[in-house]
Protein backbone atom coordinates (compact mmCIF):
# COMPACT_ATOMS: atom_id res chain seq x y z
CA LEU A 1 55.02 -231.44 119.33
CA ASP A 2 54.17 -233.85 122.09
CA THR A 3 50.89 -235.49 121.14
CA VAL A 4 50.42 -236.98 124.61
CA PRO A 5 50.11 -234.84 127.76
CA LEU A 6 52.94 -235.53 130.23
CA HIS A 7 50.64 -237.14 132.79
CA LEU A 8 49.64 -239.75 130.20
CA ASP A 9 53.13 -240.46 128.80
CA THR A 10 54.26 -243.55 130.69
CA THR A 11 57.41 -243.91 128.54
CA LEU A 12 58.94 -241.05 130.55
CA LEU A 13 59.13 -243.23 133.64
CA ASP A 14 61.34 -245.78 131.86
CA SER A 15 63.66 -243.23 130.21
CA ASP A 16 67.18 -242.55 131.44
CA ASP A 17 68.65 -239.06 131.96
CA VAL A 18 70.31 -239.02 128.54
CA GLU A 19 67.03 -239.80 126.73
CA LEU A 20 65.20 -237.22 128.82
CA SER A 21 67.93 -234.62 128.18
CA ILE A 22 67.42 -235.04 124.45
CA ARG A 23 63.68 -234.60 124.89
CA VAL A 24 64.18 -231.46 127.00
CA VAL A 25 66.47 -229.97 124.37
CA GLN A 26 63.87 -230.74 121.69
CA MET A 27 61.26 -228.96 123.81
CA LEU A 28 63.60 -225.97 124.10
CA GLY A 29 63.77 -225.77 120.33
CA LEU A 30 67.56 -226.08 120.32
CA PRO A 31 68.70 -227.22 116.89
CA PHE A 32 70.91 -230.30 116.95
CA ASN A 33 71.81 -233.31 114.85
CA GLN A 34 69.77 -236.24 116.21
CA HIS A 35 72.16 -238.84 114.75
CA GLU A 36 75.20 -237.32 116.46
CA VAL A 37 73.69 -237.47 119.95
CA THR A 38 72.42 -241.06 119.96
CA GLY A 39 75.82 -242.46 120.96
CA TYR A 40 76.17 -240.41 124.14
CA ARG A 41 75.72 -242.20 127.47
CA ASP A 42 77.34 -239.54 129.66
CA ILE A 43 74.93 -236.70 130.36
CA ASP A 44 77.62 -234.08 130.99
CA GLN A 45 79.30 -234.78 127.64
CA LEU A 46 75.91 -234.76 125.93
CA ILE A 47 74.94 -231.39 127.40
CA THR A 48 78.27 -229.87 126.37
CA HIS A 49 77.86 -231.26 122.86
CA LEU A 50 74.26 -230.06 122.52
CA LEU A 51 75.10 -226.54 123.62
CA GLN A 52 78.05 -226.40 121.21
CA GLN A 53 75.78 -227.54 118.37
CA GLY A 54 73.16 -225.00 119.31
CA ARG A 55 75.75 -222.22 119.31
CA GLN A 56 76.90 -223.25 115.83
CA LEU A 57 73.41 -223.67 114.35
CA ASP A 58 71.67 -220.74 116.07
CA PRO A 59 74.34 -218.46 117.59
CA ALA A 60 71.98 -215.50 118.15
CA THR A 61 69.88 -217.49 120.61
CA TRP A 62 72.35 -219.86 122.23
CA TYR A 63 75.79 -218.24 122.26
CA GLY A 64 75.20 -216.13 125.38
CA ILE A 65 73.99 -219.02 127.55
CA ALA A 66 76.65 -220.31 129.94
CA GLU A 67 77.13 -224.08 130.07
CA ASP A 68 76.35 -224.31 133.79
CA LYS A 69 73.06 -222.43 133.23
CA PHE A 70 72.18 -224.69 130.30
CA ARG A 71 73.01 -227.78 132.38
CA ARG A 72 70.67 -226.53 135.13
CA ILE A 73 67.89 -225.85 132.61
CA VAL A 74 68.21 -229.42 131.31
CA GLN A 75 68.24 -230.86 134.86
CA VAL A 76 65.10 -228.92 135.74
CA GLY A 77 63.55 -230.08 132.47
CA ILE A 78 64.28 -233.71 133.34
CA ALA A 79 62.68 -233.26 136.76
CA HIS A 80 59.70 -231.59 135.09
CA LEU A 81 59.21 -234.49 132.67
CA ARG A 82 59.38 -237.07 135.45
CA ALA A 83 57.03 -235.10 137.70
CA GLY A 84 54.66 -234.56 134.80
CA ALA A 85 54.52 -238.28 134.12
CA LEU A 86 53.52 -238.92 137.74
CA TYR A 87 51.08 -236.01 138.04
CA ARG A 88 47.35 -236.67 138.04
CA PRO A 89 45.51 -233.38 137.38
CA ARG A 90 42.42 -232.34 139.32
CA ARG A 91 39.61 -230.11 138.10
CA TYR A 92 40.07 -226.36 138.49
CA SER A 93 37.06 -224.07 138.74
CA GLY A 94 38.66 -220.63 138.49
CA PRO A 95 39.32 -218.45 135.47
CA THR A 96 42.43 -219.45 133.52
CA THR A 97 44.59 -217.53 131.08
CA LEU A 98 47.30 -219.32 129.13
CA PHE A 99 50.14 -217.38 127.57
CA LEU A 100 50.75 -219.33 124.39
CA THR A 101 53.97 -218.93 122.46
CA GLU A 102 54.82 -220.30 119.05
CA SER A 103 55.38 -224.05 118.93
CA THR A 104 59.03 -225.07 119.05
CA ASP A 105 58.29 -227.53 116.25
CA PRO A 106 58.29 -225.53 112.99
CA THR A 107 56.47 -228.34 111.17
CA VAL A 108 53.33 -227.84 113.28
CA PRO A 109 51.05 -224.95 112.22
CA PHE A 110 50.17 -222.57 115.05
CA ASP A 111 46.42 -223.24 114.87
CA GLN A 112 47.02 -227.00 115.18
CA TYR A 113 49.33 -226.38 118.14
CA ALA A 114 46.76 -224.09 119.82
CA THR A 115 44.00 -226.65 119.29
CA PHE A 116 46.11 -229.36 120.93
CA ILE A 117 47.00 -227.12 123.87
CA TYR A 118 43.36 -226.10 124.31
CA ALA A 119 42.18 -229.72 124.30
CA THR A 120 44.83 -230.71 126.83
CA TRP A 121 44.10 -227.86 129.27
CA SER A 122 40.32 -227.83 128.91
CA GLU A 123 40.12 -231.40 130.22
CA THR A 124 40.70 -230.08 133.74
CA LEU A 125 38.95 -226.68 133.63
CA ASP A 126 35.38 -225.87 134.58
CA GLN A 127 35.55 -222.37 133.06
CA GLU A 128 36.63 -221.17 129.64
CA LEU A 129 40.34 -221.08 128.86
CA GLU A 130 41.51 -217.67 127.66
CA PHE A 131 44.55 -217.45 125.39
CA GLN A 132 47.07 -214.63 125.24
CA ALA A 133 49.46 -214.79 122.28
CA ALA A 134 52.94 -214.25 123.69
CA LEU A 135 55.95 -213.26 121.65
CA GLY A 136 59.07 -215.40 121.69
CA THR A 137 59.18 -218.96 122.94
CA HIS A 138 58.37 -220.60 126.25
CA TRP A 139 61.97 -219.92 127.27
CA THR A 140 62.40 -216.39 125.89
CA MET A 141 59.06 -214.69 126.63
CA PHE A 142 60.47 -213.40 129.95
CA SER A 143 63.71 -212.13 128.39
CA GLU A 144 64.51 -209.10 126.24
CA PRO A 145 63.13 -208.10 123.82
CA TYR A 146 59.85 -209.82 124.79
CA VAL A 147 59.66 -209.33 128.56
CA GLN A 148 58.07 -205.87 128.47
CA ARG A 149 55.16 -207.04 126.31
CA THR A 150 54.68 -210.19 128.39
CA ALA A 151 54.68 -208.12 131.60
CA GLN A 152 52.11 -205.71 130.16
CA GLN A 153 49.87 -208.59 129.05
CA LEU A 154 50.10 -210.19 132.49
CA LYS A 155 49.36 -206.88 134.23
CA THR A 156 46.31 -206.30 132.00
CA CYS A 157 45.09 -209.84 132.65
CA LEU A 158 45.45 -209.49 136.44
CA THR A 159 43.82 -206.05 136.45
CA THR A 160 40.88 -207.35 134.43
CA ARG A 161 40.43 -210.36 136.71
CA SER A 162 40.67 -208.15 139.79
CA ALA A 163 38.05 -205.75 138.39
CA MET A 164 35.74 -208.65 137.49
CA LYS A 165 36.10 -210.08 141.01
CA ALA A 166 35.34 -206.68 142.61
CA THR A 167 32.23 -206.30 140.43
CA HIS A 168 30.96 -209.73 141.42
CA THR A 169 31.61 -208.96 145.10
CA LEU A 170 29.59 -205.73 144.94
CA THR A 171 26.54 -207.33 143.30
């Protein structure tokens, strides 16, 4: 679990692509041997190695992911980390719903994870933050078998917000 929001983590700006790739893979929850990856300096070799390890340690989740797709996910993750380190959030006054999945760090209890996420998000919100418990992980909630439930939750949330807005407009 990252204990520092991205926009406050200045170490990200000094990290190279290999270090950031490892962090992205940790955020994905991909199991790998930390000691085996520390010697890699070539990002392409590292990504290949990490995906192979993931397929061996958790084949049900990682076997069907093509290497080029995994490489793109890691590249986007690196860009996300760098952008997050540079981002300076502004206040937001509208209603906010956060779809919260299980933490990718199994050592962190869910309630501790939710408390951290709430504290991080609520710093920039003027209204209450609503949570929706989503099945799967950040990366799988929009894939089978979870996508139907996530879609229904999102539809319910949008319908409720739309109805609330219409009620406020009429009064």
